[in-house]
Amino acid sequence: MEVRRLQDKVEIAVNNAVARLNEMRDADSQLGTDPNTVLTGSEGQLDSMGLINLLLFVEEELAGALGTPVDVMTTVGEQAASSASFTIGELTALIERRANELS
């Protein structure tokens, strides 16, 4: 799979997952899709349940976009848990690396 195309698919999947998560959130707590948006940590916008929901939505979006399941929960969950903070950009980069390993 062409690298740029994979990056585009991952970015679209993450953005779609954020949109799905935002449907569950109040208007004043909408999550942005900017790569610098902090998801976890002291400045994070998500609690543990919010992160789990986001990762599940990302897995579903990726399966549809790539035609194969990608275990986002394990890959990203471990990284997010060990980081002081975790951003949309870091999430996207980790998923791209994992998807590249599978292709």
C-alpha atoms as a PDB file:
ATOM      1  CA  MET A   1       0.000   0.000   0.000  1.00  0.00           C
ATOM      2  CA  GLU A   2       1.308   3.433  -0.905  1.00  0.00           C
ATOM      3  CA  VAL A   3       2.590   5.254   2.177  1.00  0.00           C
ATOM      4  CA  ARG A   4       0.711   8.521   1.593  1.00  0.00           C
ATOM      5  CA  ARG A   5      -2.507   6.668   0.950  1.00  0.00           C
ATOM      6  CA  LEU A   6      -2.096   4.725   4.207  1.00  0.00           C
ATOM      7  CA  GLN A   7      -1.395   7.947   6.104  1.00  0.00           C
ATOM      8  CA  ASP A   8      -4.520   9.512   4.614  1.00  0.00           C
ATOM      9  CA  LYS A   9      -6.649   6.501   5.543  1.00  0.00           C
ATOM     10  CA  VAL A  10      -5.349   6.496   9.113  1.00  0.00           C
ATOM     11  CA  GLU A  11      -5.884  10.237   9.496  1.00  0.00           C
ATOM     12  CA  ILE A  12      -9.429   9.982   8.133  1.00  0.00           C
ATOM     13  CA  ALA A  13     -10.169   7.022  10.427  1.00  0.00           C
ATOM     14  CA  VAL A  14      -8.916   8.938  13.477  1.00  0.00           C
ATOM     15  CA  ASN A  15     -10.917  12.042  12.501  1.00  0.00           C
ATOM     16  CA  ASN A  16     -14.056   9.935  11.991  1.00  0.00           C
ATOM     17  CA  ALA A  17     -13.511   8.270  15.366  1.00  0.00           C
ATOM     18  CA  VAL A  18     -13.177  11.676  17.039  1.00  0.00           C
ATOM     19  CA  ALA A  19     -16.418  12.780  15.364  1.00  0.00           C
ATOM     20  CA  ARG A  20     -18.170   9.673  16.683  1.00  0.00           C
ATOM     21  CA  LEU A  21     -16.818  10.286  20.178  1.00  0.00           C
ATOM     22  CA  ASN A  22     -17.930  13.915  20.018  1.00  0.00           C
ATOM     23  CA  GLU A  23     -21.495  12.739  19.405  1.00  0.00           C
ATOM     24  CA  MET A  24     -21.371  11.353  22.961  1.00  0.00           C
ATOM     25  CA  ARG A  25     -19.857  14.494  24.514  1.00  0.00           C
ATOM     26  CA  ASP A  26     -21.345  17.810  25.582  1.00  0.00           C
ATOM     27  CA  ALA A  27     -21.008  20.745  23.192  1.00  0.00           C
ATOM     28  CA  ASP A  28     -18.516  22.437  25.524  1.00  0.00           C
ATOM     29  CA  SER A  29     -16.250  19.370  25.727  1.00  0.00           C
ATOM     30  CA  GLN A  30     -15.796  18.532  22.047  1.00  0.00           C
ATOM     31  CA  LEU A  31     -12.468  16.942  21.162  1.00  0.00           C
ATOM     32  CA  GLY A  32     -10.450  18.553  18.369  1.00  0.00           C
ATOM     33  CA  THR A  33      -8.626  16.753  15.564  1.00  0.00           C
ATOM     34  CA  ASP A  34      -5.531  18.959  15.539  1.00  0.00           C
ATOM     35  CA  PRO A  35      -2.386  16.789  15.913  1.00  0.00           C
ATOM     36  CA  ASN A  36      -1.429  18.753  19.040  1.00  0.00           C
ATOM     37  CA  THR A  37      -4.720  18.032  20.818  1.00  0.00           C
ATOM     38  CA  VAL A  38      -3.779  16.412  24.131  1.00  0.00           C
ATOM     39  CA  LEU A  39      -5.829  13.298  24.844  1.00  0.00           C
ATOM     40  CA  THR A  40      -4.393  12.081  28.147  1.00  0.00           C
ATOM     41  CA  GLY A  41      -2.276  13.431  30.973  1.00  0.00           C
ATOM     42  CA  SER A  42      -2.677  16.517  33.128  1.00  0.00           C
ATOM     43  CA  GLU A  43      -3.753  18.631  30.130  1.00  0.00           C
ATOM     44  CA  GLY A  44      -5.701  15.757  28.566  1.00  0.00           C
ATOM     45  CA  GLN A  45      -9.277  16.053  27.424  1.00  0.00           C
ATOM     46  CA  LEU A  46     -10.196  12.389  27.944  1.00  0.00           C
ATOM     47  CA  ASP A  47     -10.668  10.263  31.023  1.00  0.00           C
ATOM     48  CA  SER A  48      -9.915   6.535  30.806  1.00  0.00           C
ATOM     49  CA  MET A  49     -13.393   5.662  29.506  1.00  0.00           C
ATOM     50  CA  GLY A  50     -13.198   8.389  26.875  1.00  0.00           C
ATOM     51  CA  LEU A  51      -9.850   7.025  25.690  1.00  0.00           C
ATOM     52  CA  ILE A  52     -11.224   3.479  25.507  1.00  0.00           C
ATOM     53  CA  ASN A  53     -14.222   4.670  23.490  1.00  0.00           C
ATOM     54  CA  LEU A  54     -11.984   6.632  21.130  1.00  0.00           C
ATOM     55  CA  LEU A  55      -9.682   3.650  20.567  1.00  0.00           C
ATOM     56  CA  LEU A  56     -12.617   1.325  19.904  1.00  0.00           C
ATOM     57  CA  PHE A  57     -14.030   3.794  17.387  1.00  0.00           C
ATOM     58  CA  VAL A  58     -10.603   4.058  15.721  1.00  0.00           C
ATOM     59  CA  GLU A  59     -10.398   0.250  15.449  1.00  0.00           C
ATOM     60  CA  GLU A  60     -13.828   0.137  13.803  1.00  0.00           C
ATOM     61  CA  GLU A  61     -13.015   2.967  11.394  1.00  0.00           C
ATOM     62  CA  LEU A  62      -9.668   1.397  10.449  1.00  0.00           C
ATOM     63  CA  ALA A  63     -11.190  -2.020   9.820  1.00  0.00           C
ATOM     64  CA  GLY A  64     -13.554  -0.399   7.344  1.00  0.00           C
ATOM     65  CA  ALA A  65     -10.870   1.753   5.707  1.00  0.00           C
ATOM     66  CA  LEU A  66      -8.118  -0.863   5.490  1.00  0.00           C
ATOM     67  CA  GLY A  67     -10.213  -3.990   5.142  1.00  0.00           C
ATOM     68  CA  THR A  68      -8.344  -5.690   7.972  1.00  0.00           C
ATOM     69  CA  PRO A  69      -8.510  -5.384  11.762  1.00  0.00           C
ATOM     70  CA  VAL A  70      -5.820  -3.359  13.516  1.00  0.00           C
ATOM     71  CA  ASP A  71      -5.362  -3.860  17.268  1.00  0.00           C
ATOM     72  CA  VAL A  72      -5.308  -0.221  18.274  1.00  0.00           C
ATOM     73  CA  MET A  73      -6.378  -0.852  21.854  1.00  0.00           C
ATOM     74  CA  THR A  74      -3.242  -2.801  22.809  1.00  0.00           C
ATOM     75  CA  THR A  75      -0.764  -0.824  20.715  1.00  0.00           C
ATOM     76  CA  VAL A  76      -1.949   2.622  21.710  1.00  0.00           C
ATOM     77  CA  GLY A  77      -3.227   1.756  25.175  1.00  0.00           C
ATOM     78  CA  GLU A  78       0.218   0.716  26.378  1.00  0.00           C
ATOM     79  CA  GLN A  79       1.830   3.847  24.943  1.00  0.00           C
ATOM     80  CA  ALA A  80      -0.819   6.188  26.320  1.00  0.00           C
ATOM     81  CA  ALA A  81      -0.605   4.604  29.768  1.00  0.00           C
ATOM     82  CA  SER A  82       3.167   5.048  29.909  1.00  0.00           C
ATOM     83  CA  SER A  83       3.223   8.669  28.687  1.00  0.00           C
ATOM     84  CA  ALA A  84       2.783  11.801  30.737  1.00  0.00           C
ATOM     85  CA  SER A  85       0.580  13.045  27.900  1.00  0.00           C
ATOM     86  CA  PHE A  86      -0.631  11.646  24.597  1.00  0.00           C
ATOM     87  CA  THR A  87      -1.787  13.628  21.547  1.00  0.00           C
ATOM     88  CA  ILE A  88      -3.861  13.048  18.411  1.00  0.00           C
ATOM     89  CA  GLY A  89      -0.622  13.278  16.403  1.00  0.00           C
ATOM     90  CA  GLU A  90       1.051  10.576  18.495  1.00  0.00           C
ATOM     91  CA  LEU A  91      -2.056   8.409  18.192  1.00  0.00           C
ATOM     92  CA  THR A  92      -2.044   8.760  14.410  1.00  0.00           C
ATOM     93  CA  ALA A  93       1.703   8.038  14.139  1.00  0.00           C
ATOM     94  CA  LEU A  94       1.458   4.889  16.282  1.00  0.00           C
ATOM     95  CA  ILE A  95      -1.456   3.592  14.246  1.00  0.00           C
ATOM     96  CA  GLU A  96       0.381   4.275  10.974  1.00  0.00           C
ATOM     97  CA  ARG A  97       3.394   2.275  12.199  1.00  0.00           C
ATOM     98  CA  ARG A  98       1.164  -0.604  13.296  1.00  0.00           C
ATOM     99  CA  ALA A  99      -0.766  -0.593  10.013  1.00  0.00           C
ATOM    100  CA  ASN A 100       2.529  -0.603   8.076  1.00  0.00           C
ATOM    101  CA  GLU A 101       3.607  -3.702  10.002  1.00  0.00           C
ATOM    102  CA  LEU A 102       0.414  -5.450   8.913  1.00  0.00           C
ATOM    103  CA  SER A 103       0.686  -4.567   5.220  1.00  0.00           C
END
